PDB file of N, CA and C in Angstrom:
ATOM      1  N   MET A   1      98.404  86.404  97.144  1.00  0.00           N
ATOM      2  CA  MET A   1     100.101  86.802  97.219  1.00  0.00           C
ATOM      3  C   MET A   1     100.614  86.996  96.166  1.00  0.00           C
ATOM      4  N   THR A   2     100.997  88.345  96.102  1.00  0.00           N
ATOM      5  CA  THR A   2     102.061  88.645  94.853  1.00  0.00           C
ATOM      6  C   THR A   2     103.218  88.268  95.092  1.00  0.00           C
ATOM      7  N   ARG A   3     103.802  88.060  93.917  1.00  0.00           N
ATOM      8  CA  ARG A   3     105.061  87.380  94.107  1.00  0.00           C
ATOM      9  C   ARG A   3     106.443  88.285  93.911  1.00  0.00           C
ATOM     10  N   ARG A   4     107.245  88.181  94.297  1.00  0.00           N
ATOM     11  CA  ARG A   4     108.540  89.536  94.284  1.00  0.00           C
ATOM     12  C   ARG A   4     108.772  89.589  92.798  1.00  0.00           C
ATOM     13  N   LYS A   5     108.837  90.749  92.585  1.00  0.00           N
ATOM     14  CA  LYS A   5     109.319  90.696  91.231  1.00  0.00           C
ATOM     15  C   LYS A   5     110.642  91.124  90.997  1.00  0.00           C
ATOM     16  N   GLU A   6     111.022  90.368  89.878  1.00  0.00           N
ATOM     17  CA  GLU A   6     112.414  90.597  89.240  1.00  0.00           C
ATOM     18  C   GLU A   6     112.803  91.270  88.033  1.00  0.00           C
ATOM     19  N   PRO A   7     113.473  92.613  88.831  1.00  0.00           N
ATOM     20  CA  PRO A   7     113.505  93.646  87.474  1.00  0.00           C
ATOM     21  C   PRO A   7     114.619  93.267  86.650  1.00  0.00           C
ATOM     22  N   GLU A   8     115.737  92.148  86.938  1.00  0.00           N
ATOM     23  CA  GLU A   8     116.741  92.331  86.053  1.00  0.00           C
ATOM     24  C   GLU A   8     115.862  91.120  85.003  1.00  0.00           C
ATOM     25  N   LEU A   9     115.216  90.079  85.202  1.00  0.00           N
ATOM     26  CA  LEU A   9     114.679  89.247  84.767  1.00  0.00           C
ATOM     27  C   LEU A   9     113.625  89.887  83.347  1.00  0.00           C
ATOM     28  N   ALA A  10     112.883  91.141  84.023  1.00  0.00           N
ATOM     29  CA  ALA A  10     111.901  92.007  83.313  1.00  0.00           C
ATOM     30  C   ALA A  10     112.705  92.716  82.362  1.00  0.00           C
ATOM     31  N   ARG A  11     114.072  93.404  82.678  1.00  0.00           N
ATOM     32  CA  ARG A  11     114.916  93.879  81.619  1.00  0.00           C
ATOM     33  C   ARG A  11     115.340  92.716  80.531  1.00  0.00           C
ATOM     34  N   GLN A  12     115.606  91.795  80.918  1.00  0.00           N
ATOM     35  CA  GLN A  12     116.184  90.718  80.019  1.00  0.00           C
ATOM     36  C   GLN A  12     115.292  90.490  78.882  1.00  0.00           C
ATOM     37  N   ALA A  13     113.859  89.991  79.310  1.00  0.00           N
ATOM     38  CA  ALA A  13     112.772  89.948  78.738  1.00  0.00           C
ATOM     39  C   ALA A  13     112.192  91.202  77.617  1.00  0.00           C
ATOM     40  N   ALA A  14     112.654  92.190  78.330  1.00  0.00           N
ATOM     41  CA  ALA A  14     111.932  93.435  77.594  1.00  0.00           C
ATOM     42  C   ALA A  14     113.049  93.562  76.465  1.00  0.00           C
ATOM     43  N   ARG A  15     114.424  93.188  76.446  1.00  0.00           N
ATOM     44  CA  ARG A  15     115.560  93.296  75.351  1.00  0.00           C
ATOM     45  C   ARG A  15     115.003  92.342  74.468  1.00  0.00           C
ATOM     46  N   ASP A  16     114.422  91.056  74.488  1.00  0.00           N
ATOM     47  CA  ASP A  16     114.218  90.067  73.606  1.00  0.00           C
ATOM     48  C   ASP A  16     113.676  90.412  72.039  1.00  0.00           C
ATOM     49  N   PRO A  17     114.652  90.588  71.097  1.00  0.00           N
ATOM     50  CA  PRO A  17     113.601  90.709  69.991  1.00  0.00           C
ATOM     51  C   PRO A  17     112.654  89.913  69.659  1.00  0.00           C
ATOM     52  N   ASP A  18     112.624  88.842  69.817  1.00  0.00           N
ATOM     53  CA  ASP A  18     111.174  88.024  69.731  1.00  0.00           C
ATOM     54  C   ASP A  18     109.990  88.375  70.696  1.00  0.00           C
ATOM     55  N   ARG A  19     110.377  89.180  71.507  1.00  0.00           N
ATOM     56  CA  ARG A  19     108.787  89.492  72.279  1.00  0.00           C
ATOM     57  C   ARG A  19     107.749  89.857  71.296  1.00  0.00           C
ATOM     58  N   PRO A  20     106.229  89.089  71.687  1.00  0.00           N
ATOM     59  CA  PRO A  20     105.328  89.681  71.045  1.00  0.00           C
ATOM     60  C   PRO A  20     104.437  90.701  71.776  1.00  0.00           C
ATOM     61  N   GLY A  21     103.237  91.159  70.588  1.00  0.00           N
ATOM     62  CA  GLY A  21     102.808  92.167  71.786  1.00  0.00           C
ATOM     63  C   GLY A  21     102.846  93.401  71.209  1.00  0.00           C
ATOM     64  N   GLU A  22     102.556  94.632  72.368  1.00  0.00           N
ATOM     65  CA  GLU A  22     102.465  95.976  71.847  1.00  0.00           C
ATOM     66  C   GLU A  22     103.348  96.407  72.652  1.00  0.00           C
ATOM     67  N   ARG A  23     104.470  96.063  73.793  1.00  0.00           N
ATOM     68  CA  ARG A  23     105.062  96.785  74.459  1.00  0.00           C
ATOM     69  C   ARG A  23     104.449  97.826  75.523  1.00  0.00           C
ATOM     70  N   CYS A  24     103.420  97.024  76.063  1.00  0.00           N
ATOM     71  CA  CYS A  24     102.780  97.425  77.078  1.00  0.00           C
ATOM     72  C   CYS A  24     101.924  99.009  76.561  1.00  0.00           C
ATOM     73  N   LEU A  25     101.951  99.136  75.464  1.00  0.00           N
ATOM     74  CA  LEU A  25     100.819 100.025  75.195  1.00  0.00           C
ATOM     75  C   LEU A  25      99.562  99.791  74.588  1.00  0.00           C
ATOM     76  N   ALA A  26      99.403  98.806  74.529  1.00  0.00           N
ATOM     77  CA  ALA A  26      97.717  98.345  74.275  1.00  0.00           C
ATOM     78  C   ALA A  26      96.769  98.680  75.537  1.00  0.00           C
ATOM     79  N   GLU A  27      95.940  99.058  75.327  1.00  0.00           N
ATOM     80  CA  GLU A  27      94.592  99.027  75.974  1.00  0.00           C
ATOM     81  C   GLU A  27      94.387  97.870  77.258  1.00  0.00           C
ATOM     82  N   PRO A  28      94.254  97.928  78.429  1.00  0.00           N
ATOM     83  CA  PRO A  28      93.892  96.685  79.029  1.00  0.00           C
ATOM     84  C   PRO A  28      92.587  95.855  78.705  1.00  0.00           C
ATOM     85  N   GLY A  29      93.106  94.712  78.286  1.00  0.00           N
ATOM     86  CA  GLY A  29      92.071  93.736  78.154  1.00  0.00           C
ATOM     87  C   GLY A  29      92.048  93.482  76.301  1.00  0.00           C
ATOM     88  N   SER A  30      92.687  93.952  75.860  1.00  0.00           N
ATOM     89  CA  SER A  30      93.199  94.316  74.390  1.00  0.00           C
ATOM     90  C   SER A  30      93.988  92.816  73.912  1.00  0.00           C
ATOM     91  N   TRP A  31      94.537  92.417  75.146  1.00  0.00           N
ATOM     92  CA  TRP A  31      95.478  90.974  74.824  1.00  0.00           C
ATOM     93  C   TRP A  31      94.951  90.339  76.180  1.00  0.00           C
ATOM     94  N   ARG A  32      95.140  88.876  75.514  1.00  0.00           N
ATOM     95  CA  ARG A  32      95.117  87.777  76.836  1.00  0.00           C
ATOM     96  C   ARG A  32      96.354  86.855  77.191  1.00  0.00           C
ATOM     97  N   PRO A  33      96.945  86.328  77.702  1.00  0.00           N
ATOM     98  CA  PRO A  33      97.651  85.705  77.970  1.00  0.00           C
ATOM     99  C   PRO A  33      97.075  84.117  78.153  1.00  0.00           C
ATOM    100  N   VAL A  34      97.591  83.263  77.354  1.00  0.00           N
ATOM    101  CA  VAL A  34      97.139  81.884  77.618  1.00  0.00           C
ATOM    102  C   VAL A  34      98.137  81.245  78.138  1.00  0.00           C
ATOM    103  N   VAL A  35      97.867  80.132  79.059  1.00  0.00           N
ATOM    104  CA  VAL A  35      99.023  79.330  79.475  1.00  0.00           C
ATOM    105  C   VAL A  35      98.298  77.847  79.120  1.00  0.00           C
ATOM    106  N   ASP A  36      99.722  77.150  78.842  1.00  0.00           N
ATOM    107  CA  ASP A  36      99.487  75.698  77.921  1.00  0.00           C
ATOM    108  C   ASP A  36      99.945  74.949  79.678  1.00  0.00           C
ATOM    109  N   VAL A  37      98.766  74.576  80.170  1.00  0.00           N
ATOM    110  CA  VAL A  37      99.330  73.635  81.488  1.00  0.00           C
ATOM    111  C   VAL A  37      99.859  72.267  81.548  1.00  0.00           C
ATOM    112  N   LYS A  38     100.062  72.185  80.034  1.00  0.00           N
ATOM    113  CA  LYS A  38     100.926  70.881  79.549  1.00  0.00           C
ATOM    114  C   LYS A  38     102.237  71.009  79.819  1.00  0.00           C
ATOM    115  N   ARG A  39     102.634  72.218  79.637  1.00  0.00           N
ATOM    116  CA  ARG A  39     104.184  72.799  79.179  1.00  0.00           C
ATOM    117  C   ARG A  39     104.595  73.437  80.724  1.00  0.00           C
ATOM    118  N   CYS A  40     103.842  74.197  81.438  1.00  0.00           N
ATOM    119  CA  CYS A  40     103.715  75.237  82.733  1.00  0.00           C
ATOM    120  C   CYS A  40     104.475  74.303  83.796  1.00  0.00           C
ATOM    121  N   GLU A  41     105.555  74.604  84.195  1.00  0.00           N
ATOM    122  CA  GLU A  41     106.176  73.899  85.427  1.00  0.00           C
ATOM    123  C   GLU A  41     106.088  74.279  86.665  1.00  0.00           C
ATOM    124  N   GLY A  42     105.368  75.824  86.837  1.00  0.00           N
ATOM    125  CA  GLY A  42     104.818  76.591  87.934  1.00  0.00           C
ATOM    126  C   GLY A  42     106.427  77.779  88.525  1.00  0.00           C
ATOM    127  N   ARG A  43     107.555  77.648  87.905  1.00  0.00           N
ATOM    128  CA  ARG A  43     108.359  78.346  87.924  1.00  0.00           C
ATOM    129  C   ARG A  43     108.411  79.851  88.308  1.00  0.00           C
ATOM    130  N   ALA A  44     107.022  80.421  87.869  1.00  0.00           N
ATOM    131  CA  ALA A  44     106.449  81.578  88.248  1.00  0.00           C
ATOM    132  C   ALA A  44     107.241  83.007  87.399  1.00  0.00           C
ATOM    133  N   SER A  45     108.084  82.491  86.387  1.00  0.00           N
ATOM    134  CA  SER A  45     109.066  83.813  85.825  1.00  0.00           C
ATOM    135  C   SER A  45     107.845  84.660  85.094  1.00  0.00           C
ATOM    136  N   CYS A  46     106.470  84.136  85.091  1.00  0.00           N
ATOM    137  CA  CYS A  46     105.403  85.345  84.614  1.00  0.00           C
ATOM    138  C   CYS A  46     105.240  86.026  85.329  1.00  0.00           C
ATOM    139  N   GLU A  47     104.844  85.782  86.655  1.00  0.00           N
ATOM    140  CA  GLU A  47     104.799  86.532  87.676  1.00  0.00           C
ATOM    141  C   GLU A  47     105.530  88.027  87.963  1.00  0.00           C
ATOM    142  N   ALA A  48     106.934  87.457  87.878  1.00  0.00           N
ATOM    143  CA  ALA A  48     108.038  87.995  88.633  1.00  0.00           C
ATOM    144  C   ALA A  48     108.148  89.033  87.274  1.00  0.00           C
ATOM    145  N   VAL A  49     107.804  88.641  86.402  1.00  0.00           N
ATOM    146  CA  VAL A  49     108.259  89.817  85.240  1.00  0.00           C
ATOM    147  C   VAL A  49     106.747  91.027  84.681  1.00  0.00           C
ATOM    148  N   CYS A  50     105.431  90.199  84.868  1.00  0.00           N
ATOM    149  CA  CYS A  50     104.493  91.160  84.684  1.00  0.00           C
ATOM    150  C   CYS A  50     104.164  92.306  85.621  1.00  0.00           C
ATOM    151  N   PRO A  51     104.175  93.566  84.945  1.00  0.00           N
ATOM    152  CA  PRO A  51     104.089  94.602  85.289  1.00  0.00           C
ATOM    153  C   PRO A  51     102.570  94.853  85.812  1.00  0.00           C
ATOM    154  N   TYR A  52     101.812  94.077  85.345  1.00  0.00           N
ATOM    155  CA  TYR A  52     100.025  94.487  85.620  1.00  0.00           C
ATOM    156  C   TYR A  52      99.455  93.479  86.426  1.00  0.00           C
ATOM    157  N   ASP A  53     100.326  92.207  87.173  1.00  0.00           N
ATOM    158  CA  ASP A  53      99.950  91.435  88.008  1.00  0.00           C
ATOM    159  C   ASP A  53      98.599  90.733  87.659  1.00  0.00           C
ATOM    160  N   VAL A  54      98.958  90.011  86.285  1.00  0.00           N
ATOM    161  CA  VAL A  54      97.917  88.938  85.707  1.00  0.00           C
ATOM    162  C   VAL A  54      97.962  88.048  86.079  1.00  0.00           C
ATOM    163  N   PHE A  55      99.443  87.432  86.786  1.00  0.00           N
ATOM    164  CA  PHE A  55      99.652  85.962  86.941  1.00  0.00           C
ATOM    165  C   PHE A  55      99.319  85.393  88.230  1.00  0.00           C
ATOM    166  N   GLU A  56      98.995  84.258  88.483  1.00  0.00           N
ATOM    167  CA  GLU A  56      99.100  83.701  90.198  1.00  0.00           C
ATOM    168  C   GLU A  56      99.346  82.472  89.911  1.00  0.00           C
ATOM    169  N   VAL A  57     100.784  81.995  90.348  1.00  0.00           N
ATOM    170  CA  VAL A  57     101.033  80.785  90.496  1.00  0.00           C
ATOM    171  C   VAL A  57     100.438  79.886  91.825  1.00  0.00           C
ATOM    172  N   GLY A  58      99.910  78.958  91.230  1.00  0.00           N
ATOM    173  CA  GLY A  58      98.975  77.960  92.666  1.00  0.00           C
ATOM    174  C   GLY A  58      98.992  76.419  92.101  1.00  0.00           C
ATOM    175  N   ARG A  59      98.363  75.696  92.816  1.00  0.00           N
ATOM    176  CA  ARG A  59      98.061  74.471  92.775  1.00  0.00           C
ATOM    177  C   ARG A  59      97.170  74.055  91.676  1.00  0.00           C
ATOM    178  N   ILE A  60      97.500  73.048  90.771  1.00  0.00           N
ATOM    179  CA  ILE A  60      96.827  73.035  89.772  1.00  0.00           C
ATOM    180  C   ILE A  60      95.104  72.521  90.010  1.00  0.00           C
ATOM    181  N   ALA A  61      94.159  72.641  89.735  1.00  0.00           N
ATOM    182  CA  ALA A  61      92.889  72.258  89.911  1.00  0.00           C
ATOM    183  C   ALA A  61      92.685  70.875  89.503  1.00  0.00           C
ATOM    184  N   GLY A  62      92.167  70.245  90.225  1.00  0.00           N
ATOM    185  CA  GLY A  62      91.689  68.756  90.145  1.00  0.00           C
ATOM    186  C   GLY A  62      91.548  68.223  89.045  1.00  0.00           C
ATOM    187  N   ASP A  63      90.180  68.984  88.650  1.00  0.00           N
ATOM    188  CA  ASP A  63      89.713  68.628  87.174  1.00  0.00           C
ATOM    189  C   ASP A  63      90.477  69.016  85.983  1.00  0.00           C
ATOM    190  N   VAL A  64      91.416  69.902  86.007  1.00  0.00           N
ATOM    191  CA  VAL A  64      92.339  70.496  85.103  1.00  0.00           C
ATOM    192  C   VAL A  64      93.171  69.126  85.171  1.00  0.00           C
ATOM    193  N   TYR A  65      94.110  69.016  86.096  1.00  0.00           N
ATOM    194  CA  TYR A  65      94.720  67.970  86.419  1.00  0.00           C
ATOM    195  C   TYR A  65      94.536  66.223  85.937  1.00  0.00           C
ATOM    196  N   GLN A  66      93.212  66.123  86.169  1.00  0.00           N
ATOM    197  CA  GLN A  66      92.593  64.843  85.964  1.00  0.00           C
ATOM    198  C   GLN A  66      92.521  64.720  84.178  1.00  0.00           C
ATOM    199  N   ALA A  67      92.222  65.698  83.766  1.00  0.00           N
ATOM    200  CA  ALA A  67      92.032  65.772  82.295  1.00  0.00           C
ATOM    201  C   ALA A  67      93.090  65.549  81.216  1.00  0.00           C
ATOM    202  N   LEU A  68      94.496  65.767  82.062  1.00  0.00           N
ATOM    203  CA  LEU A  68      95.574  66.154  81.071  1.00  0.00           C
ATOM    204  C   LEU A  68      96.016  64.371  81.062  1.00  0.00           C
ATOM    205  N   PRO A  69      97.066  64.104  79.899  1.00  0.00           N
ATOM    206  CA  PRO A  69      97.442  62.536  79.732  1.00  0.00           C
ATOM    207  C   PRO A  69      98.481  62.401  80.923  1.00  0.00           C
ATOM    208  N   PHE A  70      98.246  60.798  81.221  1.00  0.00           N
ATOM    209  CA  PHE A  70      98.903  60.368  82.312  1.00  0.00           C
ATOM    210  C   PHE A  70     100.497  60.865  82.490  1.00  0.00           C
ATOM    211  N   PHE A  71     101.235  60.536  81.378  1.00  0.00           N
ATOM    212  CA  PHE A  71     102.329  61.073  81.507  1.00  0.00           C
ATOM    213  C   PHE A  71     102.659  62.730  81.679  1.00  0.00           C
ATOM    214  N   THR A  72     101.784  63.554  81.270  1.00  0.00           N
ATOM    215  CA  THR A  72     101.870  64.900  81.563  1.00  0.00           C
ATOM    216  C   THR A  72     101.670  65.129  82.974  1.00  0.00           C
ATOM    217  N   ARG A  73     100.365  64.374  84.098  1.00  0.00           N
ATOM    218  CA  ARG A  73      99.929  64.412  85.128  1.00  0.00           C
ATOM    219  C   ARG A  73     101.441  63.832  85.877  1.00  0.00           C
ATOM    220  N   LEU A  74     102.395  62.835  85.402  1.00  0.00           N
ATOM    221  CA  LEU A  74     103.419  62.404  86.289  1.00  0.00           C
ATOM    222  C   LEU A  74     104.324  63.828  86.430  1.00  0.00           C
ATOM    223  N   GLU A  75     104.614  64.129  84.998  1.00  0.00           N
ATOM    224  CA  GLU A  75     105.666  65.433  84.925  1.00  0.00           C
ATOM    225  C   GLU A  75     105.304  66.691  85.977  1.00  0.00           C
ATOM    226  N   ILE A  76     103.716  66.919  85.928  1.00  0.00           N
ATOM    227  CA  ILE A  76     103.137  68.190  86.587  1.00  0.00           C
ATOM    228  C   ILE A  76     103.283  67.767  88.049  1.00  0.00           C
ATOM    229  N   ARG A  77     103.219  66.495  88.790  1.00  0.00           N
ATOM    230  CA  ARG A  77     103.416  65.797  90.172  1.00  0.00           C
ATOM    231  C   ARG A  77     104.538  66.001  90.355  1.00  0.00           C
ATOM    232  N   VAL A  78     105.815  65.847  89.093  1.00  0.00           N
ATOM    233  CA  VAL A  78     107.196  66.048  89.840  1.00  0.00           C
ATOM    234  C   VAL A  78     107.686  67.501  90.272  1.00  0.00           C
ATOM    235  N   HIS A  79     106.590  68.372  89.530  1.00  0.00           N
ATOM    236  CA  HIS A  79     107.166  70.076  89.665  1.00  0.00           C
ATOM    237  C   HIS A  79     106.215  70.510  90.454  1.00  0.00           C
ATOM    238  N   GLY A  80     105.599  69.800  91.609  1.00  0.00           N
ATOM    239  CA  GLY A  80     104.846  70.254  92.506  1.00  0.00           C
ATOM    240  C   GLY A  80     103.376  70.543  92.481  1.00  0.00           C
ATOM    241  N   MET A  81     102.851  70.169  91.641  1.00  0.00           N
ATOM    242  CA  MET A  81     101.216  70.717  90.979  1.00  0.00           C
ATOM    243  C   MET A  81     101.084  71.848  90.940  1.00  0.00           C
ATOM    244  N   GLN A  82     102.160  72.686  90.479  1.00  0.00           N
ATOM    245  CA  GLN A  82     101.954  74.131  90.203  1.00  0.00           C
ATOM    246  C   GLN A  82     101.779  74.317  88.760  1.00  0.00           C
ATOM    247  N   THR A  83     101.098  75.318  88.724  1.00  0.00           N
ATOM    248  CA  THR A  83     100.767  75.966  87.214  1.00  0.00           C
ATOM    249  C   THR A  83     100.301  77.261  87.451  1.00  0.00           C
ATOM    250  N   ALA A  84     100.569  78.030  86.245  1.00  0.00           N
ATOM    251  CA  ALA A  84     100.399  79.604  86.412  1.00  0.00           C
ATOM    252  C   ALA A  84      98.712  80.149  85.811  1.00  0.00           C
ATOM    253  N   TYR A  85      97.891  80.575  86.667  1.00  0.00           N
ATOM    254  CA  TYR A  85      96.438  81.023  86.001  1.00  0.00           C
ATOM    255  C   TYR A  85      96.414  82.640  85.662  1.00  0.00           C
ATOM    256  N   THR A  86      95.735  83.104  84.946  1.00  0.00           N
ATOM    257  CA  THR A  86      95.222  84.450  84.969  1.00  0.00           C
ATOM    258  C   THR A  86      94.350  84.948  85.284  1.00  0.00           C
ATOM    259  N   PRO A  87      94.205  85.308  86.828  1.00  0.00           N
ATOM    260  CA  PRO A  87      93.314  85.634  87.420  1.00  0.00           C
ATOM    261  C   PRO A  87      92.863  87.391  87.132  1.00  0.00           C
ATOM    262  N   ASN A  88      93.861  87.929  86.779  1.00  0.00           N
ATOM    263  CA  ASN A  88      93.666  89.433  86.340  1.00  0.00           C
ATOM    264  C   ASN A  88      93.663  89.619  84.792  1.00  0.00           C
ATOM    265  N   VAL A  89      93.324  88.881  84.065  1.00  0.00           N
ATOM    266  CA  VAL A  89      93.483  88.782  82.463  1.00  0.00           C
ATOM    267  C   VAL A  89      92.978  89.860  81.848  1.00  0.00           C
ATOM    268  N   ASP A  90      91.963  90.731  82.642  1.00  0.00           N
ATOM    269  CA  ASP A  90      91.703  92.113  82.180  1.00  0.00           C
ATOM    270  C   ASP A  90      92.523  93.031  82.213  1.00  0.00           C
ATOM    271  N   ALA A  91      93.866  92.721  82.981  1.00  0.00           N
ATOM    272  CA  ALA A  91      94.589  94.057  83.101  1.00  0.00           C
ATOM    273  C   ALA A  91      95.717  93.763  82.010  1.00  0.00           C
ATOM    274  N   CYS A  92      95.975  92.516  81.067  1.00  0.00           N
ATOM    275  CA  CYS A  92      96.935  92.331  80.263  1.00  0.00           C
ATOM    276  C   CYS A  92      97.143  93.514  79.291  1.00  0.00           C
ATOM    277  N   ARG A  93      98.083  94.342  79.300  1.00  0.00           N
ATOM    278  CA  ARG A  93      98.481  95.174  78.319  1.00  0.00           C
ATOM    279  C   ARG A  93      99.504  94.881  76.685  1.00  0.00           C
ATOM    280  N   GLY A  94      99.309  93.610  77.029  1.00  0.00           N
ATOM    281  CA  GLY A  94      99.963  92.801  75.703  1.00  0.00           C
ATOM    282  C   GLY A  94     101.778  93.389  75.613  1.00  0.00           C
ATOM    283  N   CYS A  95     102.278  93.597  76.551  1.00  0.00           N
ATOM    284  CA  CYS A  95     103.776  93.685  76.668  1.00  0.00           C
ATOM    285  C   CYS A  95     104.663  92.512  76.321  1.00  0.00           C
ATOM    286  N   GLY A  96     104.278  91.090  76.465  1.00  0.00           N
ATOM    287  CA  GLY A  96     104.590  90.167  76.102  1.00  0.00           C
ATOM    288  C   GLY A  96     105.612  89.514  76.595  1.00  0.00           C
ATOM    289  N   LEU A  97     106.150  90.439  77.737  1.00  0.00           N
ATOM    290  CA  LEU A  97     106.862  89.942  78.792  1.00  0.00           C
ATOM    291  C   LEU A  97     106.939  88.585  79.337  1.00  0.00           C
ATOM    292  N   CYS A  98     105.921  88.041  79.726  1.00  0.00           N
ATOM    293  CA  CYS A  98     105.603  86.636  80.239  1.00  0.00           C
ATOM    294  C   CYS A  98     106.069  85.827  79.035  1.00  0.00           C
ATOM    295  N   VAL A  99     105.461  85.940  77.646  1.00  0.00           N
ATOM    296  CA  VAL A  99     105.769  85.113  77.060  1.00  0.00           C
ATOM    297  C   VAL A  99     107.541  84.729  76.527  1.00  0.00           C
ATOM    298  N   VAL A 100     108.200  85.731  76.723  1.00  0.00           N
ATOM    299  CA  VAL A 100     110.045  85.678  76.371  1.00  0.00           C
ATOM    300  C   VAL A 100     110.363  84.833  77.668  1.00  0.00           C
ATOM    301  N   ALA A 101     109.904  85.463  78.894  1.00  0.00           N
ATOM    302  CA  ALA A 101     110.283  85.185  80.101  1.00  0.00           C
ATOM    303  C   ALA A 101     110.321  83.939  80.744  1.00  0.00           C
ATOM    304  N   CYS A 102     108.727  82.858  80.166  1.00  0.00           N
ATOM    305  CA  CYS A 102     108.842  81.544  80.326  1.00  0.00           C
ATOM    306  C   CYS A 102     109.885  80.656  80.095  1.00  0.00           C
ATOM    307  N   PRO A 103     110.351  79.820  80.991  1.00  0.00           N
ATOM    308  CA  PRO A 103     111.213  78.795  80.504  1.00  0.00           C
ATOM    309  C   PRO A 103     110.905  77.885  79.854  1.00  0.00           C
ATOM    310  N   GLU A 104     109.606  77.638  80.095  1.00  0.00           N
ATOM    311  CA  GLU A 104     109.112  76.366  79.230  1.00  0.00           C
ATOM    312  C   GLU A 104     108.600  76.749  78.180  1.00  0.00           C
ATOM    313  N   GLN A 105     108.044  77.954  77.699  1.00  0.00           N
ATOM    314  CA  GLN A 105     107.413  78.444  76.465  1.00  0.00           C
ATOM    315  C   GLN A 105     106.256  77.973  76.622  1.00  0.00           C
ATOM    316  N   ALA A 106     105.564  78.421  77.768  1.00  0.00           N
ATOM    317  CA  ALA A 106     103.957  77.878  78.097  1.00  0.00           C
ATOM    318  C   ALA A 106     102.924  78.540  77.776  1.00  0.00           C
ATOM    319  N   ILE A 107     103.594  80.103  77.534  1.00  0.00           N
ATOM    320  CA  ILE A 107     102.474  81.016  77.398  1.00  0.00           C
ATOM    321  C   ILE A 107     102.291  81.949  76.137  1.00  0.00           C
ATOM    322  N   ARG A 108     101.728  82.155  75.561  1.00  0.00           N
ATOM    323  CA  ARG A 108     101.278  82.900  74.484  1.00  0.00           C
ATOM    324  C   ARG A 108     100.436  83.852  74.553  1.00  0.00           C
ATOM    325  N   ILE A 109     100.380  85.021  73.861  1.00  0.00           N
ATOM    326  CA  ILE A 109      99.221  86.104  74.013  1.00  0.00           C
ATOM    327  C   ILE A 109      98.460  85.958  73.151  1.00  0.00           C
ATOM    328  N   GLU A 110      97.469  86.433  73.216  1.00  0.00           N
ATOM    329  CA  GLU A 110      96.785  86.515  71.564  1.00  0.00           C
ATOM    330  C   GLU A 110      95.459  87.559  72.004  1.00  0.00           C
ATOM    331  N   ARG A 111      94.853  88.059  70.930  1.00  0.00           N
ATOM    332  CA  ARG A 111      93.851  88.973  70.837  1.00  0.00           C
ATOM    333  C   ARG A 111      92.025  88.303  71.580  1.00  0.00           C
ATOM    334  N   PRO A 112      91.569  88.787  72.328  1.00  0.00           N
ATOM    335  CA  PRO A 112      90.394  88.222  72.833  1.00  0.00           C
ATOM    336  C   PRO A 112      89.221  87.858  71.454  1.00  0.00           C
TER     337      PRO A 112
END
């Protein structure tokens, strides 16, 4: 299921002077977003602004959850056991909208 896009949030992210990447001009797959599950609260801002549907927010995998520190697991439980995943990572074009839209600062983009 693709989350509803939020054009105003995307416009706001596009104006951010600290936005990393190549402004969606890179070849697909030349950048990849990395989600820090210790910080992600599953708010889905990344899904809402990504023009290439790279992200999907869903229930955190059991093995990932169990590998986290105790207090991080408690925090994730409070936030509904949700986190962002990148099932379409090869579609990333390095626009950086996800990085600046994430309220938890849980996403960075890097070269593969």
